[in-house]
Amino acid sequence: MFDILAQVVTSAAIVSLTVFCIYKIQTHARNAQAIVLTEYEGIISPGKGTAWLTIVFGIIMILSGLFAVVVYGMSEIVLGLFLTLMGAAMSGFMAPSLSSIHDVNWNTQYVEGASKMFGPILGKSRTQIQWSDITSTGTTVTQYWYVQTNEGRRIYWSYLYNGHGAFAQVLARKCPDLKLPF
């Protein structure tokens, strides 16, 4: 009986801590300042701290999975391989966020940013869209926001981007007829 109670309490604590961390990261990212070059230019970027935290957590998962396989052998191989693969995926998918490949930048003429999704994450492709060519906005299933042209070209970013609130203000000012879902 005590084992079940301990598992329930531990699970509830882990879920609560995870929800709290996501809330704090989102609040920080919304309130963080964009890298404003001038009054009319700026850059928003995935939070480097969040990226590093995710990568370190992924590496810990990899090491935990390998440890489970080495120490417990065949009895824990499924769990060990699952942890290793999930940790590798988390670290690998988040690593590009440490560079500028997923940054969104803008000036008086255009917006430039990541233009393709690779499953639930951003890919390496980038595009430029003139402010006057932006015709709609939206949100993906994986909670990325985007601006889109009539031809279907998109630029993506998320609530985890530092300064995304500043970019939303610029977007509302430059494209006042758009319905902003964020």
C-alpha atoms as a PDB file:
ATOM      1  CA  MET A   1       0.000   0.000   0.000  1.00  0.00           C
ATOM      2  CA  PHE A   2       2.804   2.386   0.899  1.00  0.00           C
ATOM      3  CA  ASP A   3       4.526   1.724  -2.451  1.00  0.00           C
ATOM      4  CA  ILE A   4       1.417   2.752  -4.392  1.00  0.00           C
ATOM      5  CA  LEU A   5       0.987   5.904  -2.308  1.00  0.00           C
ATOM      6  CA  ALA A   6       4.656   6.812  -2.820  1.00  0.00           C
ATOM      7  CA  GLN A   7       4.315   6.330  -6.589  1.00  0.00           C
ATOM      8  CA  VAL A   8       1.181   8.503  -6.721  1.00  0.00           C
ATOM      9  CA  VAL A   9       2.798  11.277  -4.682  1.00  0.00           C
ATOM     10  CA  THR A  10       6.001  11.123  -6.737  1.00  0.00           C
ATOM     11  CA  SER A  11       4.065  11.179 -10.019  1.00  0.00           C
ATOM     12  CA  ALA A  12       1.951  14.123  -8.866  1.00  0.00           C
ATOM     13  CA  ALA A  13       5.064  16.004  -7.772  1.00  0.00           C
ATOM     14  CA  ILE A  14       6.794  15.410 -11.123  1.00  0.00           C
ATOM     15  CA  VAL A  15       3.726  16.514 -13.120  1.00  0.00           C
ATOM     16  CA  SER A  16       3.267  19.606 -10.913  1.00  0.00           C
ATOM     17  CA  LEU A  17       6.926  20.569 -11.194  1.00  0.00           C
ATOM     18  CA  THR A  18       6.840  20.116 -14.971  1.00  0.00           C
ATOM     19  CA  VAL A  19       3.713  22.276 -15.342  1.00  0.00           C
ATOM     20  CA  PHE A  20       5.223  24.947 -13.080  1.00  0.00           C
ATOM     21  CA  CYS A  21       8.493  24.985 -15.083  1.00  0.00           C
ATOM     22  CA  ILE A  22       6.631  25.303 -18.399  1.00  0.00           C
ATOM     23  CA  TYR A  23       4.561  28.161 -16.957  1.00  0.00           C
ATOM     24  CA  LYS A  24       7.673  29.990 -15.706  1.00  0.00           C
ATOM     25  CA  ILE A  25       9.513  29.530 -19.018  1.00  0.00           C
ATOM     26  CA  GLN A  26       6.492  30.774 -20.979  1.00  0.00           C
ATOM     27  CA  THR A  27       6.066  33.798 -18.692  1.00  0.00           C
ATOM     28  CA  HIS A  28       9.758  34.655 -18.956  1.00  0.00           C
ATOM     29  CA  ALA A  29       9.739  34.319 -22.754  1.00  0.00           C
ATOM     30  CA  ARG A  30       6.648  36.496 -23.152  1.00  0.00           C
ATOM     31  CA  ASN A  31       8.073  39.267 -20.976  1.00  0.00           C
ATOM     32  CA  ALA A  32      11.655  39.054 -22.260  1.00  0.00           C
ATOM     33  CA  GLN A  33      12.767  41.761 -24.605  1.00  0.00           C
ATOM     34  CA  ALA A  34      13.393  41.147 -28.258  1.00  0.00           C
ATOM     35  CA  ILE A  35      16.843  42.033 -29.493  1.00  0.00           C
ATOM     36  CA  VAL A  36      15.844  45.387 -30.947  1.00  0.00           C
ATOM     37  CA  LEU A  37      18.431  46.789 -33.316  1.00  0.00           C
ATOM     38  CA  THR A  38      16.555  50.046 -33.984  1.00  0.00           C
ATOM     39  CA  GLU A  39      13.002  51.238 -33.590  1.00  0.00           C
ATOM     40  CA  TYR A  40      12.075  49.377 -36.801  1.00  0.00           C
ATOM     41  CA  GLU A  41      14.237  46.248 -36.641  1.00  0.00           C
ATOM     42  CA  GLY A  42      14.453  43.349 -34.264  1.00  0.00           C
ATOM     43  CA  ILE A  43      15.098  39.678 -33.637  1.00  0.00           C
ATOM     44  CA  ILE A  44      13.293  37.138 -31.481  1.00  0.00           C
ATOM     45  CA  SER A  45      15.009  33.910 -30.636  1.00  0.00           C
ATOM     46  CA  PRO A  46      14.302  30.613 -28.883  1.00  0.00           C
ATOM     47  CA  GLY A  47      15.432  30.913 -25.278  1.00  0.00           C
ATOM     48  CA  LYS A  48      19.007  29.677 -25.089  1.00  0.00           C
ATOM     49  CA  GLY A  49      18.570  28.784 -21.408  1.00  0.00           C
ATOM     50  CA  THR A  50      15.552  26.634 -22.223  1.00  0.00           C
ATOM     51  CA  ALA A  51      17.465  25.007 -25.075  1.00  0.00           C
ATOM     52  CA  TRP A  52      20.434  24.203 -22.830  1.00  0.00           C
ATOM     53  CA  LEU A  53      18.143  22.877 -20.089  1.00  0.00           C
ATOM     54  CA  THR A  54      16.367  20.599 -22.564  1.00  0.00           C
ATOM     55  CA  ILE A  55      19.657  19.354 -24.017  1.00  0.00           C
ATOM     56  CA  VAL A  56      21.114  18.631 -20.567  1.00  0.00           C
ATOM     57  CA  PHE A  57      17.908  16.843 -19.544  1.00  0.00           C
ATOM     58  CA  GLY A  58      18.096  14.814 -22.780  1.00  0.00           C
ATOM     59  CA  ILE A  59      21.700  13.847 -22.047  1.00  0.00           C
ATOM     60  CA  ILE A  60      20.686  12.774 -18.534  1.00  0.00           C
ATOM     61  CA  MET A  61      17.959  10.610 -20.091  1.00  0.00           C
ATOM     62  CA  ILE A  62      20.501   9.072 -22.479  1.00  0.00           C
ATOM     63  CA  LEU A  63      22.880   8.280 -19.632  1.00  0.00           C
ATOM     64  CA  SER A  64      20.038   6.921 -17.462  1.00  0.00           C
ATOM     65  CA  GLY A  65      18.882   4.667 -20.281  1.00  0.00           C
ATOM     66  CA  LEU A  66      22.378   3.360 -20.912  1.00  0.00           C
ATOM     67  CA  PHE A  67      22.881   2.868 -17.173  1.00  0.00           C
ATOM     68  CA  ALA A  68      19.652   0.847 -16.947  1.00  0.00           C
ATOM     69  CA  VAL A  69      20.743  -1.414 -19.806  1.00  0.00           C
ATOM     70  CA  VAL A  70      24.278  -1.917 -18.451  1.00  0.00           C
ATOM     71  CA  VAL A  71      23.357  -2.423 -14.791  1.00  0.00           C
ATOM     72  CA  TYR A  72      20.053  -4.295 -15.076  1.00  0.00           C
ATOM     73  CA  GLY A  73      20.670  -6.022 -18.381  1.00  0.00           C
ATOM     74  CA  MET A  74      17.889  -7.599 -20.399  1.00  0.00           C
ATOM     75  CA  SER A  75      15.210  -7.060 -17.738  1.00  0.00           C
ATOM     76  CA  GLU A  76      15.332  -3.270 -18.301  1.00  0.00           C
ATOM     77  CA  ILE A  77      16.410  -3.126 -21.941  1.00  0.00           C
ATOM     78  CA  VAL A  78      13.071  -1.761 -23.199  1.00  0.00           C
ATOM     79  CA  LEU A  79      13.032   1.042 -20.623  1.00  0.00           C
ATOM     80  CA  GLY A  80      16.723   1.749 -21.179  1.00  0.00           C
ATOM     81  CA  LEU A  81      16.386   1.962 -24.949  1.00  0.00           C
ATOM     82  CA  PHE A  82      13.255   4.118 -24.638  1.00  0.00           C
ATOM     83  CA  LEU A  83      15.006   6.582 -22.317  1.00  0.00           C
ATOM     84  CA  THR A  84      18.080   6.660 -24.560  1.00  0.00           C
ATOM     85  CA  LEU A  85      16.079   7.285 -27.739  1.00  0.00           C
ATOM     86  CA  MET A  86      13.838   9.930 -26.128  1.00  0.00           C
ATOM     87  CA  GLY A  87      16.868  11.726 -24.669  1.00  0.00           C
ATOM     88  CA  ALA A  88      18.659  11.661 -28.016  1.00  0.00           C
ATOM     89  CA  ALA A  89      15.571  13.014 -29.791  1.00  0.00           C
ATOM     90  CA  MET A  90      15.101  15.810 -27.237  1.00  0.00           C
ATOM     91  CA  SER A  91      18.729  16.882 -27.370  1.00  0.00           C
ATOM     92  CA  GLY A  92      19.032  16.546 -31.126  1.00  0.00           C
ATOM     93  CA  PHE A  93      15.843  18.447 -31.936  1.00  0.00           C
ATOM     94  CA  MET A  94      16.656  21.265 -29.508  1.00  0.00           C
ATOM     95  CA  ALA A  95      20.324  21.715 -30.493  1.00  0.00           C
ATOM     96  CA  PRO A  96      19.582  23.945 -33.544  1.00  0.00           C
ATOM     97  CA  SER A  97      17.921  26.444 -31.200  1.00  0.00           C
ATOM     98  CA  LEU A  98      21.372  27.275 -29.830  1.00  0.00           C
ATOM     99  CA  SER A  99      22.246  28.781 -33.213  1.00  0.00           C
ATOM    100  CA  SER A 100      20.428  31.548 -35.067  1.00  0.00           C
ATOM    101  CA  ILE A 101      18.757  29.206 -37.590  1.00  0.00           C
ATOM    102  CA  HIS A 102      15.347  29.477 -35.885  1.00  0.00           C
ATOM    103  CA  ASP A 103      15.503  33.216 -35.113  1.00  0.00           C
ATOM    104  CA  VAL A 104      12.814  35.504 -36.517  1.00  0.00           C
ATOM    105  CA  ASN A 105      14.078  38.913 -37.592  1.00  0.00           C
ATOM    106  CA  TRP A 106      12.296  41.863 -39.125  1.00  0.00           C
ATOM    107  CA  ASN A 107      12.940  45.288 -40.567  1.00  0.00           C
ATOM    108  CA  THR A 108      10.856  47.892 -42.372  1.00  0.00           C
ATOM    109  CA  GLN A 109      10.513  45.772 -45.524  1.00  0.00           C
ATOM    110  CA  TYR A 110      10.171  42.131 -44.450  1.00  0.00           C
ATOM    111  CA  VAL A 111      10.081  39.374 -41.840  1.00  0.00           C
ATOM    112  CA  GLU A 112      12.540  36.475 -42.078  1.00  0.00           C
ATOM    113  CA  GLY A 113      12.464  33.189 -40.198  1.00  0.00           C
ATOM    114  CA  ALA A 114      12.132  29.422 -40.157  1.00  0.00           C
ATOM    115  CA  SER A 115       9.794  28.355 -42.944  1.00  0.00           C
ATOM    116  CA  LYS A 116       9.376  24.583 -42.662  1.00  0.00           C
ATOM    117  CA  MET A 117       8.251  22.143 -40.012  1.00  0.00           C
ATOM    118  CA  PHE A 118       9.909  18.751 -39.638  1.00  0.00           C
ATOM    119  CA  GLY A 119       7.276  16.758 -37.816  1.00  0.00           C
ATOM    120  CA  PRO A 120       6.605  18.582 -34.550  1.00  0.00           C
ATOM    121  CA  ILE A 121       9.699  20.817 -34.771  1.00  0.00           C
ATOM    122  CA  LEU A 122      11.179  23.537 -36.957  1.00  0.00           C
ATOM    123  CA  GLY A 123      13.388  22.620 -39.889  1.00  0.00           C
ATOM    124  CA  LYS A 124      16.415  24.401 -41.318  1.00  0.00           C
ATOM    125  CA  SER A 125      14.702  26.219 -44.217  1.00  0.00           C
ATOM    126  CA  ARG A 126      14.259  29.979 -43.960  1.00  0.00           C
ATOM    127  CA  THR A 127      12.293  32.522 -45.982  1.00  0.00           C
ATOM    128  CA  GLN A 128      11.619  36.240 -46.214  1.00  0.00           C
ATOM    129  CA  ILE A 129       8.093  37.626 -46.458  1.00  0.00           C
ATOM    130  CA  GLN A 130       7.316  41.241 -47.248  1.00  0.00           C
ATOM    131  CA  TRP A 131       4.984  42.830 -44.690  1.00  0.00           C
ATOM    132  CA  SER A 132       2.457  43.568 -47.436  1.00  0.00           C
ATOM    133  CA  ASP A 133       2.418  39.882 -48.488  1.00  0.00           C
ATOM    134  CA  ILE A 134       1.305  38.584 -45.078  1.00  0.00           C
ATOM    135  CA  THR A 135      -2.335  37.560 -45.424  1.00  0.00           C
ATOM    136  CA  SER A 136      -3.028  35.334 -42.408  1.00  0.00           C
ATOM    137  CA  THR A 137      -1.747  33.978 -39.118  1.00  0.00           C
ATOM    138  CA  GLY A 138      -2.331  30.733 -37.297  1.00  0.00           C
ATOM    139  CA  THR A 139      -1.214  28.125 -34.814  1.00  0.00           C
ATOM    140  CA  THR A 140       0.013  24.599 -35.550  1.00  0.00           C
ATOM    141  CA  VAL A 141      -0.973  21.481 -33.615  1.00  0.00           C
ATOM    142  CA  THR A 142       2.418  21.633 -31.878  1.00  0.00           C
ATOM    143  CA  GLN A 143       1.745  25.213 -30.726  1.00  0.00           C
ATOM    144  CA  TYR A 144       3.977  27.059 -33.167  1.00  0.00           C
ATOM    145  CA  TRP A 145       2.600  30.344 -34.442  1.00  0.00           C
ATOM    146  CA  TYR A 146       3.007  31.450 -38.023  1.00  0.00           C
ATOM    147  CA  VAL A 147       2.406  34.200 -40.546  1.00  0.00           C
ATOM    148  CA  GLN A 148       1.446  33.136 -44.061  1.00  0.00           C
ATOM    149  CA  THR A 149       1.237  34.515 -47.603  1.00  0.00           C
ATOM    150  CA  ASN A 150      -1.410  33.774 -50.246  1.00  0.00           C
ATOM    151  CA  GLU A 151       1.057  31.334 -51.859  1.00  0.00           C
ATOM    152  CA  GLY A 152       1.291  29.366 -48.595  1.00  0.00           C
ATOM    153  CA  ARG A 153       4.780  30.458 -47.533  1.00  0.00           C
ATOM    154  CA  ARG A 154       5.073  30.603 -43.753  1.00  0.00           C
ATOM    155  CA  ILE A 155       7.359  31.786 -40.996  1.00  0.00           C
ATOM    156  CA  TYR A 156       7.119  29.969 -37.652  1.00  0.00           C
ATOM    157  CA  TRP A 157       7.951  30.834 -34.029  1.00  0.00           C
ATOM    158  CA  SER A 158       6.632  29.836 -30.602  1.00  0.00           C
ATOM    159  CA  TYR A 159       5.757  31.117 -27.166  1.00  0.00           C
ATOM    160  CA  LEU A 160       9.212  29.963 -26.032  1.00  0.00           C
ATOM    161  CA  TYR A 161      10.885  32.679 -28.111  1.00  0.00           C
ATOM    162  CA  ASN A 162      12.269  35.473 -25.984  1.00  0.00           C
ATOM    163  CA  GLY A 163      10.517  38.672 -26.993  1.00  0.00           C
ATOM    164  CA  HIS A 164       7.618  37.075 -28.871  1.00  0.00           C
ATOM    165  CA  GLY A 165       5.311  39.677 -27.329  1.00  0.00           C
ATOM    166  CA  ALA A 166       7.353  42.481 -28.930  1.00  0.00           C
ATOM    167  CA  PHE A 167       7.097  40.767 -32.329  1.00  0.00           C
ATOM    168  CA  ALA A 168       3.316  40.391 -31.893  1.00  0.00           C
ATOM    169  CA  GLN A 169       3.086  44.146 -31.282  1.00  0.00           C
ATOM    170  CA  VAL A 170       5.099  44.897 -34.435  1.00  0.00           C
ATOM    171  CA  LEU A 171       2.955  42.457 -36.420  1.00  0.00           C
ATOM    172  CA  ALA A 172      -0.241  44.101 -35.157  1.00  0.00           C
ATOM    173  CA  ARG A 173       1.117  47.536 -36.106  1.00  0.00           C
ATOM    174  CA  LYS A 174       2.404  46.485 -39.563  1.00  0.00           C
ATOM    175  CA  CYS A 175      -0.604  44.309 -40.472  1.00  0.00           C
ATOM    176  CA  PRO A 176      -3.578  45.793 -38.599  1.00  0.00           C
ATOM    177  CA  ASP A 177      -6.182  43.772 -40.538  1.00  0.00           C
ATOM    178  CA  LEU A 178      -4.809  40.408 -39.373  1.00  0.00           C
ATOM    179  CA  LYS A 179      -6.540  38.348 -36.727  1.00  0.00           C
ATOM    180  CA  LEU A 180      -3.789  37.432 -34.271  1.00  0.00           C
ATOM    181  CA  PRO A 181      -4.413  34.111 -32.455  1.00  0.00           C
ATOM    182  CA  PHE A 182      -1.691  34.829 -29.895  1.00  0.00           C
END
